[in-house]
N, C-alpha and C. Protein backbone atom coordinates (compact mmCIF):
# COMPACT_ATOMS: atom_id res chain seq x y z
N MET A 1 19.09 -0.99 -25.70
CA MET A 1 18.33 0.32 -24.52
C MET A 1 18.92 0.30 -23.22
N SER A 2 19.24 1.33 -23.19
CA SER A 2 20.10 1.81 -21.71
C SER A 2 18.75 1.66 -20.13
N GLU A 3 19.99 1.28 -19.16
CA GLU A 3 19.43 0.82 -17.75
C GLU A 3 19.04 1.85 -16.96
N LYS A 4 17.76 1.60 -16.16
CA LYS A 4 18.75 2.10 -15.17
C LYS A 4 17.58 1.42 -13.45
N ASN A 5 18.42 1.85 -12.64
CA ASN A 5 17.72 1.33 -10.99
C ASN A 5 16.75 2.21 -10.93
N ILE A 6 15.60 1.66 -9.67
CA ILE A 6 14.50 2.21 -8.69
C ILE A 6 15.09 1.06 -7.62
N TYR A 7 14.28 1.50 -6.82
CA TYR A 7 14.54 0.77 -5.67
C TYR A 7 13.11 0.99 -4.80
N LEU A 8 12.58 0.01 -4.20
CA LEU A 8 10.75 -0.24 -3.69
C LEU A 8 11.48 -0.17 -2.08
N VAL A 9 11.09 0.21 -1.40
CA VAL A 9 11.19 0.26 0.17
C VAL A 9 10.41 -0.38 1.11
N PHE A 10 9.76 -2.00 1.24
CA PHE A 10 8.85 -2.19 2.01
C PHE A 10 8.88 -1.93 3.64
N SER A 11 8.14 -1.38 4.02
CA SER A 11 8.87 -1.68 6.01
C SER A 11 7.54 -1.45 6.87
N LYS A 12 8.36 -1.70 8.11
CA LYS A 12 6.51 -1.76 9.01
C LYS A 12 7.71 -1.03 10.59
N THR A 13 7.29 0.12 10.24
CA THR A 13 7.41 0.47 11.84
C THR A 13 6.49 0.25 12.78
N ASN A 14 6.04 1.47 13.89
CA ASN A 14 5.90 0.91 15.49
C ASN A 14 4.32 1.41 15.52
N THR A 15 4.51 2.37 14.04
CA THR A 15 3.23 3.42 14.37
C THR A 15 1.88 2.74 14.59
N TRP A 16 1.00 3.67 15.69
CA TRP A 16 -0.47 3.12 15.76
C TRP A 16 -0.56 2.55 13.71
N LEU A 17 -1.08 3.45 13.42
CA LEU A 17 -1.17 2.99 11.09
C LEU A 17 -0.67 1.25 11.69
N SER A 18 0.67 1.63 11.76
CA SER A 18 1.31 0.20 11.15
C SER A 18 0.83 -0.80 11.54
N ARG A 19 1.06 -1.06 12.94
CA ARG A 19 0.30 -1.67 13.67
C ARG A 19 -1.10 -2.58 13.26
N GLY A 20 -1.80 -1.50 13.03
CA GLY A 20 -3.39 -1.70 12.89
C GLY A 20 -3.43 -2.58 11.73
N ILE A 21 -2.70 -2.49 10.75
CA ILE A 21 -2.40 -2.52 9.62
C ILE A 21 -2.60 -3.70 9.07
N THR A 22 -1.21 -3.79 9.92
CA THR A 22 -0.30 -5.38 10.55
C THR A 22 -1.17 -6.29 10.47
N LEU A 23 -1.97 -5.95 11.67
CA LEU A 23 -3.13 -7.10 12.60
C LEU A 23 -4.30 -7.48 12.11
N PHE A 24 -4.76 -5.93 10.85
CA PHE A 24 -5.92 -6.95 9.44
C PHE A 24 -5.46 -6.98 8.56
N SER A 25 -4.47 -7.22 8.25
CA SER A 25 -3.86 -7.93 6.77
C SER A 25 -2.92 -9.04 6.53
N LYS A 26 -2.40 -9.21 8.07
CA LYS A 26 -1.19 -10.33 8.26
C LYS A 26 -0.49 -10.27 7.24
N THR A 27 -0.08 -8.79 7.07
CA THR A 27 0.96 -8.62 6.29
C THR A 27 2.71 -8.24 7.25
N LYS A 28 3.13 -8.48 6.84
CA LYS A 28 4.71 -8.05 7.84
C LYS A 28 5.24 -6.86 7.61
N TYR A 29 5.42 -6.07 6.14
CA TYR A 29 5.46 -5.48 5.83
C TYR A 29 4.65 -4.39 4.94
N VAL A 30 3.92 -3.28 6.01
CA VAL A 30 2.62 -2.57 5.71
C VAL A 30 2.99 -1.28 4.74
N HIS A 31 4.13 -0.63 4.43
CA HIS A 31 4.37 0.56 4.23
C HIS A 31 5.16 0.22 2.54
N THR A 32 4.91 1.33 1.69
CA THR A 32 5.89 1.11 -0.11
C THR A 32 6.60 2.43 0.00
N SER A 33 7.44 2.48 -0.23
CA SER A 33 8.39 3.85 -1.07
C SER A 33 9.40 4.03 -2.45
N LEU A 34 8.89 4.21 -2.83
CA LEU A 34 9.75 4.57 -3.97
C LEU A 34 11.23 5.40 -3.64
N SER A 35 12.56 4.98 -4.45
CA SER A 35 12.93 5.65 -4.61
C SER A 35 14.34 5.41 -5.41
N LEU A 36 14.61 6.25 -6.30
CA LEU A 36 15.02 6.57 -7.82
C LEU A 36 16.60 6.59 -7.48
N ASP A 37 17.25 6.66 -6.04
CA ASP A 37 18.66 5.95 -6.02
C ASP A 37 18.51 5.43 -5.10
N ASP A 38 20.17 4.82 -4.37
CA ASP A 38 20.35 4.00 -3.31
C ASP A 38 21.03 4.59 -2.53
N THR A 39 21.17 5.81 -2.35
CA THR A 39 21.82 5.90 -1.03
C THR A 39 19.90 6.19 0.67
N PHE A 40 19.32 6.35 -0.18
CA PHE A 40 17.59 6.16 0.35
C PHE A 40 17.14 7.80 1.27
N GLN A 41 17.84 8.53 0.54
CA GLN A 41 17.60 9.51 1.95
C GLN A 41 15.91 10.58 1.02
N VAL A 42 15.99 9.62 -0.04
CA VAL A 42 14.80 10.69 -0.83
C VAL A 42 14.03 9.78 -0.96
N MET A 43 12.33 9.38 -0.75
CA MET A 43 12.32 7.84 -0.75
C MET A 43 10.58 8.56 -1.19
N TYR A 44 10.08 8.70 -2.25
CA TYR A 44 8.80 8.83 -2.07
C TYR A 44 7.01 7.53 -1.48
N SER A 45 6.57 8.29 -1.20
CA SER A 45 5.32 7.90 -0.59
C SER A 45 4.01 8.62 -0.09
N PHE A 46 3.22 7.74 0.18
CA PHE A 46 2.03 8.78 0.97
C PHE A 46 2.29 7.74 3.20
N GLY A 47 2.01 8.92 3.16
CA GLY A 47 1.91 8.90 5.19
C GLY A 47 2.47 10.12 5.77
N ARG A 48 3.00 9.58 6.75
CA ARG A 48 3.07 11.00 7.76
C ARG A 48 3.84 11.84 6.37
N VAL A 49 3.08 13.10 7.15
CA VAL A 49 4.80 14.35 6.49
C VAL A 49 4.85 15.01 7.19
N LYS A 50 4.86 14.59 8.30
CA LYS A 50 5.67 15.54 9.24
C LYS A 50 5.88 14.36 9.96
N PRO A 51 6.67 13.96 10.89
CA PRO A 51 7.52 12.47 11.58
C PRO A 51 6.64 12.63 12.46
N ASN A 52 6.56 13.72 13.92
CA ASN A 52 5.66 13.15 15.27
C ASN A 52 4.29 13.58 14.78
N ASN A 53 3.67 13.88 13.44
CA ASN A 53 2.39 13.65 13.49
C ASN A 53 1.44 13.59 13.02
N PRO A 54 0.39 12.20 13.44
CA PRO A 54 0.32 10.68 13.09
C PRO A 54 -0.47 11.76 11.82
N PHE A 55 -1.04 12.30 12.29
CA PHE A 55 -2.74 12.58 11.11
C PHE A 55 -2.60 13.94 10.42
N SER A 56 -0.91 14.09 9.73
CA SER A 56 -0.47 15.11 9.35
C SER A 56 -0.10 13.81 7.97
N GLY A 57 -1.07 12.91 7.24
CA GLY A 57 -1.12 12.34 6.32
C GLY A 57 -1.88 13.14 5.17
N GLY A 58 -0.19 12.17 4.14
CA GLY A 58 -0.42 12.86 2.18
C GLY A 58 1.01 12.69 2.39
N PHE A 59 1.20 13.30 0.44
CA PHE A 59 2.44 12.87 -0.51
C PHE A 59 3.48 13.36 1.03
N ALA A 60 4.15 12.16 1.08
CA ALA A 60 6.10 12.51 1.86
C ALA A 60 6.72 12.24 1.29
N ILE A 61 8.18 12.59 1.48
CA ILE A 61 9.52 12.60 0.88
C ILE A 61 10.38 12.05 2.50
N GLU A 62 10.50 10.93 2.27
CA GLU A 62 11.19 10.15 3.15
C GLU A 62 12.72 9.79 3.50
N ASN A 63 13.01 9.37 4.21
CA ASN A 63 14.43 9.78 4.37
C ASN A 63 14.24 8.44 5.24
N LEU A 64 15.42 7.33 5.07
CA LEU A 64 15.39 5.48 5.56
C LEU A 64 15.91 5.90 6.64
N PHE A 65 16.39 6.72 7.11
CA PHE A 65 17.71 7.01 8.31
C PHE A 65 17.42 8.28 8.54
N ASP A 66 15.35 8.16 8.88
CA ASP A 66 15.25 9.81 9.82
C ASP A 66 13.91 9.42 8.96
N GLY A 67 13.12 10.64 10.41
CA GLY A 67 12.20 10.92 10.26
C GLY A 67 11.30 9.15 11.62
N VAL A 68 10.06 9.49 11.14
CA VAL A 68 9.50 8.26 12.00
C VAL A 68 10.01 6.89 11.72
N TYR A 69 11.11 6.26 10.39
CA TYR A 69 12.37 5.12 10.80
C TYR A 69 12.90 5.52 11.73
N THR A 70 13.11 6.89 12.61
CA THR A 70 14.43 6.13 13.48
C THR A 70 13.95 6.53 15.31
N LYS A 71 12.07 6.89 14.41
CA LYS A 71 11.10 6.90 15.93
C LYS A 71 10.83 5.24 16.49
N SER A 72 11.51 3.90 15.53
CA SER A 72 10.65 3.10 15.87
C SER A 72 11.62 2.10 16.06
N PRO A 73 12.59 2.04 16.54
CA PRO A 73 14.25 0.91 16.98
C PRO A 73 14.44 -0.11 16.35
N THR A 74 12.59 -0.71 16.32
CA THR A 74 12.39 -2.63 15.68
C THR A 74 12.46 -2.68 14.33
N CYS A 75 12.28 -0.94 13.20
CA CYS A 75 11.29 -1.16 12.30
C CYS A 75 12.25 -1.74 11.16
N GLU A 76 11.54 -2.68 10.26
CA GLU A 76 12.15 -3.65 9.86
C GLU A 76 11.88 -3.15 8.04
N CYS A 77 12.91 -3.76 6.98
CA CYS A 77 12.45 -3.35 5.81
C CYS A 77 12.96 -4.33 4.92
N LEU A 78 12.23 -4.23 3.56
CA LEU A 78 12.86 -5.46 2.62
C LEU A 78 13.31 -3.46 1.25
N ILE A 79 14.53 -4.41 1.22
CA ILE A 79 15.02 -3.34 -0.14
C ILE A 79 15.02 -3.78 -1.23
N TYR A 80 14.39 -3.64 -2.89
CA TYR A 80 13.96 -4.18 -3.86
C TYR A 80 14.63 -3.27 -4.75
N LYS A 81 15.74 -3.94 -5.79
CA LYS A 81 16.58 -2.65 -6.66
C LYS A 81 16.10 -3.63 -7.84
N VAL A 82 15.23 -2.16 -8.59
CA VAL A 82 14.33 -3.05 -9.92
C VAL A 82 14.91 -2.26 -11.01
N ASN A 83 14.72 -3.02 -12.09
CA ASN A 83 16.12 -2.74 -13.34
C ASN A 83 14.77 -2.15 -13.91
N VAL A 84 14.69 -1.07 -14.83
CA VAL A 84 13.58 -0.61 -15.29
C VAL A 84 14.90 0.31 -16.43
N THR A 85 13.86 0.15 -18.01
CA THR A 85 14.64 1.43 -18.72
C THR A 85 14.63 3.04 -18.52
N THR A 86 15.73 3.64 -19.28
CA THR A 86 15.85 4.84 -19.45
C THR A 86 14.31 5.60 -19.96
N LYS A 87 13.78 4.99 -20.66
CA LYS A 87 12.22 5.74 -20.73
C LYS A 87 11.39 5.38 -19.30
N GLN A 88 10.98 4.53 -18.55
CA GLN A 88 11.05 4.16 -17.70
C GLN A 88 10.83 5.00 -16.49
N TYR A 89 12.40 5.32 -16.70
CA TYR A 89 12.86 6.24 -15.02
C TYR A 89 12.52 7.23 -15.09
N ASN A 90 12.51 8.06 -16.88
CA ASN A 90 12.34 9.49 -16.40
C ASN A 90 10.31 10.52 -16.63
N GLU A 91 10.04 8.52 -17.46
CA GLU A 91 8.41 8.77 -17.38
C GLU A 91 8.10 9.01 -15.42
N LEU A 92 8.72 7.77 -14.99
CA LEU A 92 8.56 7.90 -13.05
C LEU A 92 9.15 9.44 -13.09
N LEU A 93 10.47 9.94 -12.98
CA LEU A 93 11.00 10.69 -12.77
C LEU A 93 9.26 12.10 -12.97
N LYS A 94 8.62 12.48 -13.85
CA LYS A 94 7.85 12.73 -14.12
C LYS A 94 7.38 12.96 -13.77
N GLU A 95 6.49 11.11 -13.35
CA GLU A 95 5.43 12.56 -12.45
C GLU A 95 5.38 12.37 -11.36
N ILE A 96 6.85 12.08 -10.86
CA ILE A 96 7.20 12.11 -9.05
C ILE A 96 7.47 13.82 -9.33
N ASN A 97 8.01 14.35 -10.18
CA ASN A 97 7.37 15.82 -10.49
C ASN A 97 6.30 16.96 -10.12
N TYR A 98 5.51 15.60 -10.89
CA TYR A 98 4.06 16.62 -10.64
C TYR A 98 3.36 16.23 -9.48
N PHE A 99 3.67 15.17 -9.04
CA PHE A 99 3.40 15.03 -7.17
C PHE A 99 3.63 15.69 -6.51
N CYS A 100 4.97 16.10 -6.71
CA CYS A 100 5.41 17.45 -5.75
C CYS A 100 5.26 19.07 -5.77
N SER A 101 5.24 19.35 -7.31
CA SER A 101 5.05 20.15 -7.35
C SER A 101 3.37 20.93 -6.96
N LYS A 102 1.97 19.85 -6.64
CA LYS A 102 1.18 19.68 -6.18
C LYS A 102 0.40 18.82 -4.81
N LYS A 103 2.53 18.50 -4.14
CA LYS A 103 1.85 18.30 -2.92
C LYS A 103 1.00 18.46 -2.13
N GLU A 104 1.22 20.28 -1.42
CA GLU A 104 -0.12 20.37 -0.80
C GLU A 104 -1.73 20.02 -1.15
N CYS A 105 -1.72 19.67 -2.32
CA CYS A 105 -3.42 19.13 -2.73
C CYS A 105 -3.65 17.85 -2.60
N TYR A 106 -2.36 17.04 -2.41
CA TYR A 106 -2.62 15.61 -1.65
C TYR A 106 -3.05 15.16 -0.25
N ARG A 107 -4.12 14.10 -0.09
CA ARG A 107 -4.23 13.52 1.93
C ARG A 107 -3.39 12.29 1.49
N TYR A 108 -4.11 11.71 3.08
CA TYR A 108 -3.40 10.23 2.82
C TYR A 108 -4.86 9.84 2.09
N ASN A 109 -5.04 8.18 2.36
CA ASN A 109 -6.25 7.64 1.76
C ASN A 109 -6.77 6.94 2.85
N PHE A 110 -7.21 7.36 4.11
CA PHE A 110 -7.89 6.49 5.13
C PHE A 110 -8.62 5.89 5.02
N LEU A 111 -10.06 6.54 4.17
CA LEU A 111 -11.17 5.03 3.52
C LEU A 111 -10.00 4.00 2.47
N GLY A 112 -9.33 4.14 1.75
CA GLY A 112 -8.83 3.24 1.11
C GLY A 112 -8.15 1.65 1.51
N LEU A 113 -7.92 2.46 3.00
CA LEU A 113 -7.31 1.45 3.72
C LEU A 113 -8.17 -0.41 3.77
N PHE A 114 -9.63 0.73 4.22
CA PHE A 114 -10.84 0.17 4.25
C PHE A 114 -11.46 -0.48 3.29
N GLY A 115 -11.72 -0.06 1.86
CA GLY A 115 -11.61 -0.52 0.67
C GLY A 115 -10.73 -1.65 0.95
N VAL A 116 -9.67 -1.65 0.96
CA VAL A 116 -8.48 -3.23 0.51
C VAL A 116 -8.83 -4.75 1.36
N LEU A 117 -9.49 -4.01 2.83
CA LEU A 117 -10.41 -4.58 3.91
C LEU A 117 -11.36 -5.38 3.29
N LEU A 118 -12.48 -4.55 2.37
CA LEU A 118 -12.95 -5.25 2.14
C LEU A 118 -13.30 -5.32 0.36
N ASN A 119 -12.45 -5.51 -0.07
CA ASN A 119 -12.34 -5.70 -1.98
C ASN A 119 -12.91 -5.37 -2.26
N ARG A 120 -13.01 -3.60 -2.56
CA ARG A 120 -13.68 -2.88 -2.84
C ARG A 120 -13.22 -1.09 -3.01
N PRO A 121 -12.26 -1.14 -4.20
CA PRO A 121 -11.42 -0.14 -3.62
C PRO A 121 -12.18 1.49 -4.36
N VAL A 122 -11.72 2.11 -3.62
CA VAL A 122 -12.59 3.44 -2.62
C VAL A 122 -11.08 3.70 -3.21
N VAL A 123 -11.88 5.11 -4.61
CA VAL A 123 -10.55 6.07 -5.44
C VAL A 123 -11.48 7.26 -5.62
N ARG A 124 -10.08 8.35 -4.46
CA ARG A 124 -11.27 9.47 -3.97
C ARG A 124 -10.20 10.56 -4.47
N LYS A 125 -10.15 11.69 -5.13
CA LYS A 125 -9.28 12.52 -6.06
C LYS A 125 -8.75 13.18 -5.29
N HIS A 126 -7.51 12.74 -5.53
CA HIS A 126 -6.38 13.54 -4.19
C HIS A 126 -5.56 12.51 -3.22
N HIS A 127 -6.29 12.29 -3.07
CA HIS A 127 -6.01 10.30 -1.98
C HIS A 127 -5.38 9.33 -2.51
N TYR A 128 -4.41 8.85 -1.30
CA TYR A 128 -3.55 7.98 -1.58
C TYR A 128 -3.77 7.27 -0.28
N PHE A 129 -3.10 5.86 -0.40
CA PHE A 129 -2.49 5.26 0.61
C PHE A 129 -1.28 5.04 0.32
N CYS A 130 0.15 4.30 0.32
CA CYS A 130 1.31 4.37 -0.11
C CYS A 130 1.53 3.47 -1.44
N THR A 131 0.50 1.74 -0.92
CA THR A 131 1.28 0.89 -1.92
C THR A 131 -0.60 1.19 -3.18
N GLN A 132 -1.31 2.03 -3.10
CA GLN A 132 -1.55 3.27 -4.45
C GLN A 132 -0.90 2.99 -4.42
N PHE A 133 -0.23 4.52 -4.19
CA PHE A 133 0.68 5.66 -5.47
C PHE A 133 1.62 5.15 -5.45
N VAL A 134 1.68 3.97 -4.83
CA VAL A 134 3.22 3.63 -6.01
C VAL A 134 2.89 2.57 -7.30
N SER A 135 1.81 1.51 -6.46
CA SER A 135 1.31 0.85 -7.47
C SER A 135 1.26 1.60 -9.05
N GLU A 136 0.40 1.97 -9.11
CA GLU A 136 0.08 3.49 -9.81
C GLU A 136 1.04 3.78 -10.60
N LEU A 137 1.76 4.61 -9.81
CA LEU A 137 2.72 5.50 -10.83
C LEU A 137 4.07 3.86 -11.69
N LEU A 138 4.16 2.73 -10.92
CA LEU A 138 4.74 1.21 -11.47
C LEU A 138 3.76 1.19 -12.73
N ILE A 139 2.39 1.52 -12.58
CA ILE A 139 1.82 0.16 -13.58
C ILE A 139 1.45 1.80 -15.04
N LYS A 140 1.41 3.30 -14.17
CA LYS A 140 1.24 4.14 -15.42
C LYS A 140 2.68 4.14 -16.55
N THR A 141 3.50 3.70 -15.45
CA THR A 141 5.01 3.41 -16.53
C THR A 141 5.51 2.36 -17.26
N LYS A 142 4.27 1.66 -16.90
CA LYS A 142 4.39 0.21 -17.55
C LYS A 142 6.16 -0.33 -16.59
N VAL A 143 5.94 -0.05 -15.87
CA VAL A 143 6.78 -1.19 -14.72
C VAL A 143 6.36 -2.31 -14.49
N TYR A 144 4.54 -2.35 -14.30
CA TYR A 144 4.72 -3.48 -13.52
C TYR A 144 3.32 -3.69 -14.38
N GLU A 145 2.77 -4.59 -13.99
CA GLU A 145 1.35 -5.30 -14.46
C GLU A 145 0.37 -5.93 -13.20
N SER A 146 -0.63 -5.48 -13.39
CA SER A 146 -1.22 -5.86 -12.56
C SER A 146 -2.91 -6.18 -13.38
N THR A 147 -3.82 -7.23 -13.16
CA THR A 147 -5.00 -6.44 -13.20
C THR A 147 -6.22 -5.74 -12.52
N LYS A 148 -5.93 -5.37 -11.19
CA LYS A 148 -5.87 -4.42 -10.49
C LYS A 148 -6.28 -3.73 -10.05
N VAL A 149 -7.02 -2.81 -9.59
CA VAL A 149 -6.18 -1.42 -9.73
C VAL A 149 -5.76 -0.95 -8.74
N PRO A 150 -5.05 0.24 -8.60
CA PRO A 150 -4.03 0.32 -8.20
C PRO A 150 -4.85 0.61 -6.19
N ALA A 151 -6.39 0.99 -6.47
CA ALA A 151 -6.85 0.94 -5.03
C ALA A 151 -6.56 -0.34 -4.51
N LEU A 152 -6.79 -1.73 -4.88
CA LEU A 152 -6.53 -2.71 -4.21
C LEU A 152 -5.45 -3.14 -3.96
N ILE A 153 -4.51 -3.16 -4.77
CA ILE A 153 -2.85 -4.05 -4.64
C ILE A 153 -2.58 -3.23 -2.64
N LYS A 154 -1.12 -4.55 -2.55
CA LYS A 154 -1.35 -4.47 -1.39
C LYS A 154 -0.09 -4.35 -1.42
N THR A 155 0.56 -4.25 -0.65
CA THR A 155 2.77 -4.72 -0.45
C THR A 155 3.16 -6.18 -1.41
N THR A 156 2.28 -6.64 -0.34
CA THR A 156 2.47 -8.32 -1.21
C THR A 156 1.91 -8.43 -2.43
N ASP A 157 1.69 -7.47 -3.29
CA ASP A 157 0.93 -7.43 -4.38
C ASP A 157 1.80 -7.39 -5.15
N LEU A 158 3.18 -6.50 -4.86
CA LEU A 158 4.13 -6.09 -5.76
C LEU A 158 5.63 -7.28 -5.36
N PHE A 159 5.46 -7.54 -4.34
CA PHE A 159 6.26 -8.56 -4.21
C PHE A 159 6.34 -9.68 -5.34
N ASN A 160 5.70 -9.38 -6.45
CA ASN A 160 5.58 -9.95 -8.03
C ASN A 160 6.16 -9.65 -8.92
N LEU A 161 6.47 -8.62 -8.08
CA LEU A 161 7.13 -7.73 -9.68
C LEU A 161 8.19 -7.93 -10.64
N GLU A 162 8.97 -7.87 -11.78
CA GLU A 162 9.66 -9.14 -12.71
C GLU A 162 10.98 -8.10 -12.01
N ASN A 163 12.28 -8.45 -12.92
CA ASN A 163 13.40 -7.83 -13.17
C ASN A 163 13.40 -6.65 -11.58
N LYS A 164 13.26 -7.55 -9.81
CA LYS A 164 13.84 -6.87 -8.74
C LYS A 164 14.40 -8.09 -8.35
N GLU A 165 15.64 -7.56 -7.43
CA GLU A 165 16.96 -8.01 -6.40
C GLU A 165 16.36 -7.49 -5.06
N LEU A 166 15.74 -8.59 -4.54
CA LEU A 166 16.73 -8.35 -3.00
C LEU A 166 17.51 -7.46 -2.03
N ILE A 167 18.04 -7.27 -2.18
CA ILE A 167 19.56 -6.71 -1.85
C ILE A 167 20.02 -6.31 -0.10
N TYR A 168 18.34 -6.13 0.66
CA TYR A 168 18.03 -6.12 2.05
C TYR A 168 17.37 -5.99 2.25
N LYS A 169 17.21 -7.59 3.80
CA LYS A 169 15.96 -7.72 4.62
C LYS A 169 16.50 -7.60 5.96
N GLY A 170 16.38 -7.04 6.68
CA GLY A 170 16.03 -6.57 7.93
C GLY A 170 15.90 -5.47 8.81
N PRO A 171 16.42 -4.93 10.01
CA PRO A 171 16.36 -3.90 10.59
C PRO A 171 16.94 -2.70 10.25
N VAL A 172 15.89 -1.92 9.94
CA VAL A 172 16.93 -0.43 9.01
C VAL A 172 18.11 -0.39 10.08
N THR A 173 18.11 -0.09 11.20
CA THR A 173 19.22 0.26 11.99
C THR A 173 20.17 -0.83 11.49
N ALA A 174 20.40 -1.46 11.65
CA ALA A 174 21.16 -2.83 10.86
C ALA A 174 22.16 -2.37 10.15
N TYR A 175 20.97 -1.79 8.68
CA TYR A 175 21.34 -0.98 7.38
C TYR A 175 21.44 -0.03 7.55
N GLN A 176 21.56 0.47 8.71
CA GLN A 176 22.16 2.66 8.68
C GLN A 176 23.71 1.94 9.36
N LEU A 177 23.86 0.73 10.24
CA LEU A 177 25.14 0.78 10.37
C LEU A 177 26.08 -0.11 10.43
N SER A 178 25.25 -0.73 8.72
CA SER A 178 26.42 -1.33 8.46
C SER A 178 27.07 -0.90 7.37
N GLY A 179 26.61 0.81 7.26
CA GLY A 179 27.35 1.18 6.02
C GLY A 179 27.61 0.65 4.69
N GLU A 180 26.30 -0.10 4.25
CA GLU A 180 26.21 -0.39 2.44
C GLU A 180 25.10 0.73 2.03
N TYR A 181 24.86 1.17 2.93
CA TYR A 181 24.05 2.79 1.06
C TYR A 181 25.33 3.81 1.64
N PRO A 182 25.31 4.27 0.87
CA PRO A 182 26.30 5.78 -0.01
C PRO A 182 25.91 6.48 1.01
N ASN A 183 27.20 7.24 1.88
CA ASN A 183 26.70 8.21 2.94
C ASN A 183 27.11 9.66 2.65
N ASN A 184 26.92 10.06 1.04
CA ASN A 184 27.05 10.69 -0.31
C ASN A 184 25.53 11.50 -0.24
N THR A 185 25.10 12.50 -1.12
CA THR A 185 23.56 12.59 -1.60
C THR A 185 24.43 13.34 -2.66
N SER A 186 25.29 13.01 -3.46
CA SER A 186 26.12 13.58 -4.68
C SER A 186 24.96 13.56 -6.11
N HIS A 187 24.59 12.44 -5.70
CA HIS A 187 23.77 11.49 -6.94
C HIS A 187 22.00 11.82 -7.06
N THR A 188 22.03 11.99 -5.63
CA THR A 188 20.13 12.29 -5.13
C THR A 188 20.16 13.61 -5.48
N GLN A 189 18.53 12.75 -6.85
CA GLN A 189 17.32 13.30 -7.64
C GLN A 189 16.69 14.32 -6.79
N GLN A 190 16.83 15.19 -5.86
CA GLN A 190 16.00 15.23 -4.85
C GLN A 190 15.45 15.83 -5.60
N ILE A 191 13.86 15.78 -6.00
CA ILE A 191 12.60 16.43 -6.57
C ILE A 191 11.57 17.25 -5.71
N VAL A 192 12.23 18.31 -4.79
CA VAL A 192 11.34 19.01 -3.79
C VAL A 192 11.60 21.08 -4.39
């Protein structure tokens, strides 16, 4: 059985929403993104669609070396490499393709964040928060199992994912400067 890797990026920026979630959740890393390759120049999540507009929440295609990550000099991250089968990888690709094709339909699930705090899932059509989106994809493609519904999953729950390997922990700027990431996008599967 052939295997591939995907990457989960957990981060803490200095945005007002990130600070608020950190305050209430007592969790350091409050944002989750999914990358299909190790360039981290195309990551999928729910968050700011336009980095300069905090109210532009929806399906976001992020770049670890641009946007909101560069606006927060103190931004820290954890990067995990997760081993998946080719079938799981292709199913993830299919799911992400669907979100990309309908990205204008999706909005950020602000109410869902309160649901997590109250332990009551708030599921709304076409609305997700970052961890809800990533965990739903991982559950749907059998990369991750949970007794919780995606609308109640926190970043810390995803730390229990099997087949993961921590490849980086620290400031995003230090990772950028270290040259540890590939500086080309030749194998990036950008689905936009």
